[in-house]
Amino acid sequence: MGKRVIAIILVAASGTYGAWVYAGKWGSHGTGNGQFNLPSGVEVAPNGNVYVTDTYNHRIQYFKSSGSFLGKWGALGTGNGQFNRPWQVTYGGNGYIYVTDWYNHRVQYFTPNGSFVGKWGRYGTGNGDFKNPIGIAYGRNGYVYVGDGFNHRVQYFTGTGSFLGKWGSYGQGNGQFDDVAGLAVAPNGNVYVTDNDNDRIQYFTPTGSFLGKWGTGLRFKYPFSVRVATNGNVFVADTGNHRVQFFTPSGSFLGSWGTYGTGNGEFKSPYDIAFLTATNIAYVVERGNYRVQYFYDNTRAAPTSLGRIKGFFK
């Protein structure tokens, strides 16, 4: 387990909008508690517990906000509560934990301690079917949005899995995708989608009307996850560039942090990011380093007050 606060390692490009500073880490390669095998997703519940999709161990692990192990569930299989590569995870406003079960082509949902509640989906192209779903997000409207990866579309459902609507098809045009990966719902209801192989972000109304896009060109390399902070700023796990970038809601660049490596504040294939909003902490899960790192915004929690940062994790 890393120290709570070690040093200011990396500062975002624009201090006006936030300088994200290394605060701690946990995880290593393996099958034990607190170890990971190619983890892909991370989510923070309102109580501060951190959920991680331990993808190639076919399980979910959850931790206190500082990384202390709390519990786990799952195993390789097709039964209820079993997984074949769980990919991303989101906390629903209804209190359930939703998980995309990538190779079982379905969504499962659970109580916060891992008790199975329900599931939906199967392999296919029809309404409510999936081909390798990845991203998942819960909106304030109670809808569950799912990034239906190789169907190149977004589908949305009620909290219990009843189909409501969809948008998207294969291509490079507005509202088209080449491998839908992550997605996020903004406080105003807009839906942001990582269009992975098109190296861009697109965003839409809650029912899928196209609003805008950015990133085409060299700004991203296989972006896998997008998250929207409570202030509306958009954070992207720029996986192939081994960094996190953040933007205004319409895509104007604000800052970034990270570079390739194994040190504190460095990344190998960051796949997802989530926020403990009450304390301005960002958690980043890395596939290549088999770990979770967390950072704080030093424009809102000054680094001269290290006691405040440590106090977050008592």
Protein backbone atom coordinates (compact mmCIF):
# COMPACT_ATOMS: atom_id res chain seq x y z
CA MET A 1 0.00 0.00 0.00
CA GLY A 2 1.45 3.37 -0.96
CA LYS A 3 1.76 6.30 1.38
CA ARG A 4 -1.32 8.48 1.66
CA VAL A 5 0.44 11.49 0.17
CA ILE A 6 3.99 11.30 -1.12
CA ALA A 7 4.74 14.31 -3.29
CA ILE A 8 3.52 16.44 -6.11
CA ILE A 9 4.43 14.21 -9.04
CA LEU A 10 2.48 15.49 -12.00
CA VAL A 11 0.60 18.71 -12.56
CA ALA A 12 -2.02 19.25 -15.21
CA ALA A 13 -1.36 21.68 -18.01
CA SER A 14 -3.68 24.33 -16.68
CA GLY A 15 -3.65 24.97 -12.93
CA THR A 16 -6.66 27.21 -13.41
CA TYR A 17 -8.82 24.15 -13.94
CA GLY A 18 -7.18 21.68 -11.62
CA ALA A 19 -3.80 20.13 -10.89
CA TRP A 20 -4.20 16.44 -10.16
CA VAL A 21 -1.57 15.20 -7.73
CA TYR A 22 -0.58 11.66 -6.82
CA ALA A 23 -1.90 10.57 -3.42
CA GLY A 24 -1.61 6.77 -3.21
CA LYS A 25 -2.02 3.37 -4.85
CA TRP A 26 -2.73 -0.30 -4.31
CA GLY A 27 -2.60 -3.55 -6.23
CA SER A 28 -0.20 -5.97 -7.91
CA HIS A 29 -0.39 -8.87 -10.34
CA GLY A 30 -1.97 -12.01 -8.92
CA THR A 31 -5.09 -13.77 -7.70
CA GLY A 32 -5.05 -12.85 -4.00
CA ASN A 33 -7.18 -10.26 -2.25
CA GLY A 34 -6.17 -6.84 -3.51
CA GLN A 35 -4.32 -8.31 -6.49
CA PHE A 36 -5.49 -8.01 -10.10
CA ASN A 37 -5.23 -9.60 -13.51
CA LEU A 38 -5.82 -6.98 -16.22
CA PRO A 39 -8.39 -4.86 -14.34
CA SER A 40 -10.63 -2.71 -16.54
CA GLY A 41 -13.16 -0.70 -14.53
CA VAL A 42 -13.44 1.34 -11.36
CA GLU A 43 -16.37 2.98 -9.56
CA VAL A 44 -16.82 4.82 -6.27
CA ALA A 45 -20.03 4.42 -4.26
CA PRO A 46 -21.47 7.34 -2.25
CA ASN A 47 -20.05 5.84 0.96
CA GLY A 48 -16.53 5.97 -0.52
CA ASN A 49 -16.11 2.26 -1.26
CA VAL A 50 -14.19 1.60 -4.48
CA TYR A 51 -15.30 -1.20 -6.82
CA VAL A 52 -12.83 -2.68 -9.34
CA THR A 53 -13.58 -5.10 -12.19
CA ASP A 54 -10.76 -7.63 -11.89
CA THR A 55 -11.38 -8.68 -15.47
CA TYR A 56 -9.21 -11.73 -16.07
CA ASN A 57 -9.75 -13.02 -12.55
CA HIS A 58 -13.48 -12.88 -13.44
CA ARG A 59 -14.53 -11.09 -10.27
CA ILE A 60 -15.36 -7.80 -8.61
CA GLN A 61 -13.29 -6.59 -5.67
CA TYR A 62 -14.17 -3.66 -3.45
CA PHE A 63 -12.12 -1.58 -1.06
CA LYS A 64 -12.17 1.31 1.33
CA SER A 65 -11.27 4.63 -0.24
CA SER A 66 -7.60 4.18 0.74
CA GLY A 67 -7.38 0.67 -0.73
CA SER A 68 -8.03 -1.60 2.26
CA PHE A 69 -9.66 -4.79 1.01
CA LEU A 70 -13.34 -5.24 1.95
CA GLY A 71 -14.68 -8.08 -0.16
CA LYS A 72 -15.10 -9.75 -3.54
CA TRP A 73 -17.51 -11.82 -5.59
CA GLY A 74 -17.53 -13.73 -8.86
CA ALA A 75 -15.86 -16.61 -10.64
CA LEU A 76 -15.49 -17.77 -14.24
CA GLY A 77 -18.80 -19.07 -15.54
CA THR A 78 -22.21 -18.30 -16.97
CA GLY A 79 -24.34 -18.62 -13.84
CA ASN A 80 -25.84 -15.82 -11.79
CA GLY A 81 -23.03 -13.84 -10.16
CA GLN A 82 -20.40 -15.48 -12.36
CA PHE A 83 -18.50 -13.65 -15.08
CA ASN A 84 -16.51 -14.11 -18.25
CA ARG A 85 -14.39 -10.94 -18.19
CA PRO A 86 -16.37 -8.31 -16.31
CA TRP A 87 -15.45 -5.00 -17.91
CA GLN A 88 -16.90 -1.86 -16.38
CA VAL A 89 -18.98 -1.11 -13.31
CA THR A 90 -21.33 1.67 -12.26
CA TYR A 91 -23.24 2.54 -9.11
CA GLY A 92 -26.92 3.14 -9.73
CA GLY A 93 -28.99 5.79 -8.03
CA ASN A 94 -31.22 2.90 -6.96
CA GLY A 95 -28.35 1.48 -4.85
CA TYR A 96 -27.39 -1.39 -7.13
CA ILE A 97 -24.00 -2.18 -8.67
CA TYR A 98 -24.21 -2.78 -12.44
CA VAL A 99 -21.49 -4.72 -14.31
CA THR A 100 -20.97 -5.40 -18.02
CA ASP A 101 -20.17 -9.11 -18.39
CA TRP A 102 -18.15 -8.83 -21.60
CA TYR A 103 -17.88 -12.36 -22.94
CA ASN A 104 -21.23 -13.47 -21.56
CA HIS A 105 -22.79 -10.60 -23.55
CA ARG A 106 -24.96 -9.36 -20.69
CA VAL A 107 -25.38 -6.96 -17.79
CA GLN A 108 -25.65 -8.19 -14.20
CA TYR A 109 -26.54 -6.15 -11.14
CA PHE A 110 -25.97 -6.67 -7.44
CA THR A 111 -26.34 -5.25 -3.97
CA PRO A 112 -23.27 -3.29 -2.81
CA ASN A 113 -21.87 -6.38 -1.06
CA GLY A 114 -22.25 -8.59 -4.14
CA SER A 115 -25.55 -10.39 -3.71
CA PHE A 116 -27.00 -11.16 -7.13
CA VAL A 117 -30.19 -9.23 -8.00
CA GLY A 118 -30.76 -9.60 -11.75
CA LYS A 119 -29.40 -9.70 -15.29
CA TRP A 120 -30.31 -9.10 -18.91
CA GLY A 121 -28.87 -9.60 -22.38
CA ARG A 122 -27.60 -12.32 -24.67
CA TYR A 123 -25.42 -12.52 -27.77
CA GLY A 124 -27.08 -10.93 -30.79
CA THR A 125 -28.05 -7.79 -32.66
CA GLY A 126 -31.67 -7.33 -31.57
CA ASN A 127 -33.02 -4.89 -29.01
CA GLY A 128 -31.54 -5.83 -25.66
CA ASP A 129 -28.94 -8.13 -27.23
CA PHE A 130 -25.22 -7.41 -26.99
CA LYS A 131 -21.92 -8.13 -28.68
CA ASN A 132 -19.25 -7.66 -26.02
CA PRO A 133 -20.66 -4.80 -23.95
CA ILE A 134 -18.06 -2.59 -22.27
CA GLY A 135 -19.20 0.78 -20.91
CA ILE A 136 -22.09 1.26 -18.50
CA ALA A 137 -23.53 4.33 -16.77
CA TYR A 138 -26.59 5.23 -14.72
CA GLY A 139 -28.41 8.48 -15.42
CA ARG A 140 -30.41 10.67 -13.09
CA ASN A 141 -33.42 9.74 -15.22
CA GLY A 142 -33.02 6.18 -13.91
CA TYR A 143 -31.85 4.86 -17.28
CA VAL A 144 -28.96 2.41 -17.56
CA TYR A 145 -26.84 3.15 -20.64
CA VAL A 146 -24.71 0.35 -22.10
CA GLY A 147 -21.92 0.64 -24.65
CA ASP A 148 -22.69 -2.29 -26.96
CA GLY A 149 -19.11 -2.64 -28.20
CA PHE A 150 -19.07 -4.65 -31.41
CA ASN A 151 -22.64 -3.74 -32.32
CA HIS A 152 -21.26 -0.18 -32.49
CA ARG A 153 -24.19 1.34 -30.63
CA VAL A 154 -25.52 2.57 -27.31
CA GLN A 155 -28.59 0.95 -25.78
CA TYR A 156 -30.50 2.19 -22.76
CA PHE A 157 -32.79 0.42 -20.33
CA THR A 158 -34.76 0.76 -17.14
CA GLY A 159 -32.91 -0.14 -13.96
CA THR A 160 -34.23 -3.69 -14.23
CA GLY A 161 -33.26 -4.19 -17.87
CA SER A 162 -36.37 -3.35 -19.90
CA PHE A 163 -35.30 -2.02 -23.30
CA LEU A 164 -36.03 1.68 -23.90
CA GLY A 165 -34.03 2.75 -26.94
CA LYS A 166 -30.78 2.74 -28.89
CA TRP A 167 -28.64 4.72 -31.28
CA GLY A 168 -25.55 4.23 -33.40
CA SER A 169 -24.16 2.11 -36.22
CA TYR A 170 -20.75 1.30 -37.67
CA GLY A 171 -18.91 4.18 -39.33
CA GLN A 172 -17.09 7.46 -38.91
CA GLY A 173 -19.98 9.91 -39.24
CA ASN A 174 -21.78 11.81 -36.51
CA GLY A 175 -23.54 9.30 -34.28
CA GLN A 176 -21.65 6.39 -35.79
CA PHE A 177 -19.00 4.36 -33.96
CA ASP A 178 -16.10 1.99 -34.43
CA ASP A 179 -16.17 -0.03 -31.20
CA VAL A 180 -18.14 1.70 -28.45
CA ALA A 181 -16.10 1.49 -25.26
CA GLY A 182 -16.85 3.70 -22.23
CA LEU A 183 -19.70 6.09 -21.61
CA ALA A 184 -20.81 8.53 -18.94
CA VAL A 185 -23.86 10.61 -18.09
CA ALA A 186 -23.34 14.29 -17.25
CA PRO A 187 -25.29 16.09 -14.51
CA ASN A 188 -27.47 17.68 -17.23
CA GLY A 189 -28.27 14.24 -18.67
CA ASN A 190 -26.08 14.38 -21.77
CA VAL A 191 -24.36 11.09 -22.63
CA TYR A 192 -20.64 11.00 -23.51
CA VAL A 193 -19.25 8.03 -25.45
CA THR A 194 -15.68 6.92 -26.19
CA ASP A 195 -15.62 5.99 -29.86
CA ASN A 196 -12.56 3.81 -29.35
CA ASP A 197 -11.21 2.97 -32.79
CA ASN A 198 -12.24 6.37 -34.17
CA ASP A 199 -10.10 7.99 -31.42
CA ARG A 200 -12.74 10.49 -30.38
CA ILE A 201 -15.47 11.43 -27.93
CA GLN A 202 -19.04 12.00 -29.05
CA TYR A 203 -21.87 13.32 -26.92
CA PHE A 204 -25.64 13.15 -27.19
CA THR A 205 -28.92 14.04 -25.57
CA PRO A 206 -30.32 11.43 -23.14
CA THR A 207 -32.18 9.77 -26.01
CA GLY A 208 -29.34 9.81 -28.52
CA SER A 209 -29.57 13.00 -30.59
CA PHE A 210 -26.07 14.03 -31.68
CA LEU A 211 -24.67 17.15 -29.99
CA GLY A 212 -20.94 17.25 -30.73
CA LYS A 213 -17.59 15.48 -30.90
CA TRP A 214 -13.88 16.02 -30.48
CA GLY A 215 -10.57 14.22 -30.69
CA THR A 216 -10.39 13.14 -34.32
CA GLY A 217 -6.71 13.15 -35.25
CA LEU A 218 -3.90 12.69 -32.74
CA ARG A 219 -5.54 13.93 -29.52
CA PHE A 220 -6.44 10.38 -28.41
CA LYS A 221 -5.12 6.88 -28.93
CA TYR A 222 -7.74 4.23 -28.19
CA PRO A 223 -9.61 6.13 -25.45
CA PHE A 224 -11.37 3.54 -23.33
CA SER A 225 -13.29 5.41 -20.67
CA VAL A 226 -14.98 8.74 -20.10
CA ARG A 227 -16.29 10.25 -16.86
CA VAL A 228 -18.03 13.52 -16.11
CA ALA A 229 -17.28 15.32 -12.85
CA THR A 230 -19.94 17.13 -10.85
CA ASN A 231 -18.81 20.46 -12.35
CA GLY A 232 -19.45 19.08 -15.85
CA ASN A 233 -15.82 18.69 -16.89
CA VAL A 234 -15.14 15.58 -18.97
CA PHE A 235 -12.27 13.21 -18.08
CA VAL A 236 -10.97 10.67 -20.60
CA ALA A 237 -8.72 7.66 -19.97
CA ASP A 238 -6.51 8.12 -23.02
CA THR A 239 -5.38 4.51 -22.88
CA GLY A 240 -2.91 4.25 -25.74
CA ASN A 241 -1.22 7.52 -24.74
CA HIS A 242 -0.97 6.38 -21.08
CA ARG A 243 -2.54 9.50 -19.63
CA VAL A 244 -5.76 11.14 -18.46
CA GLN A 245 -7.02 14.24 -20.26
CA PHE A 246 -9.83 16.54 -19.19
CA PHE A 247 -12.02 19.02 -21.04
CA THR A 248 -14.93 21.40 -20.79
CA PRO A 249 -18.34 19.83 -21.54
CA SER A 250 -18.01 20.86 -25.20
CA GLY A 251 -14.49 19.48 -25.59
CA SER A 252 -12.10 22.41 -25.00
CA PHE A 253 -8.85 21.09 -23.56
CA LEU A 254 -8.19 21.91 -19.89
CA GLY A 255 -5.33 19.67 -18.80
CA SER A 256 -3.78 16.22 -18.55
CA TRP A 257 -1.57 14.08 -16.40
CA GLY A 258 0.42 10.89 -16.77
CA THR A 259 3.13 9.35 -18.91
CA TYR A 260 4.22 5.79 -19.64
CA GLY A 261 5.89 4.03 -16.74
CA THR A 262 5.58 2.19 -13.44
CA GLY A 263 6.29 5.02 -11.00
CA ASN A 264 3.87 7.00 -8.90
CA GLY A 265 1.66 9.04 -11.21
CA GLU A 266 2.79 7.11 -14.28
CA PHE A 267 0.52 4.76 -16.21
CA LYS A 268 0.51 1.63 -18.33
CA SER A 269 -2.80 1.51 -20.18
CA PRO A 270 -5.17 3.41 -17.89
CA TYR A 271 -8.62 1.96 -18.59
CA ASP A 272 -11.04 3.79 -16.34
CA ILE A 273 -11.42 6.70 -13.93
CA ALA A 274 -13.93 7.44 -11.17
CA PHE A 275 -14.43 10.15 -8.57
CA LEU A 276 -14.99 10.37 -4.84
CA THR A 277 -16.72 13.70 -5.31
CA ALA A 278 -17.00 14.72 -1.68
CA THR A 279 -13.22 14.92 -1.40
CA ASN A 280 -12.15 15.62 -5.00
CA ILE A 281 -10.31 12.32 -5.34
CA ALA A 282 -9.87 10.65 -8.75
CA TYR A 283 -9.21 6.91 -8.99
CA VAL A 284 -7.53 5.48 -12.10
CA VAL A 285 -7.34 1.75 -12.82
CA GLU A 286 -4.38 0.56 -14.91
CA ARG A 287 -4.37 -2.68 -16.83
CA GLY A 288 -0.64 -2.79 -17.49
CA ASN A 289 0.47 -2.05 -13.92
CA TYR A 290 -2.30 -4.16 -12.29
CA ARG A 291 -3.21 -1.44 -9.83
CA VAL A 292 -5.35 1.51 -8.83
CA GLN A 293 -3.83 4.94 -8.26
CA TYR A 294 -5.62 7.89 -6.75
CA PHE A 295 -5.07 11.62 -7.10
CA TYR A 296 -6.44 14.82 -5.63
CA ASP A 297 -7.22 18.18 -7.13
CA ASN A 298 -4.83 20.54 -5.37
CA THR A 299 -6.76 23.62 -6.46
CA ARG A 300 -9.53 22.46 -4.10
CA ALA A 301 -7.51 20.61 -1.45
CA ALA A 302 -4.26 22.48 -1.01
CA PRO A 303 -1.09 20.32 -0.80
CA THR A 304 0.15 22.47 2.11
CA SER A 305 -2.63 20.87 4.16
CA LEU A 306 -1.54 17.23 4.04
CA GLY A 307 -3.56 16.48 7.13
CA ARG A 308 -6.74 17.16 5.16
CA ILE A 309 -5.75 14.58 2.54
CA LYS A 310 -4.85 11.96 5.13
CA GLY A 311 -8.04 12.68 6.96
CA PHE A 312 -10.07 11.64 3.92
CA PHE A 313 -8.94 8.04 4.42
CA LYS A 314 -9.29 7.47 8.15
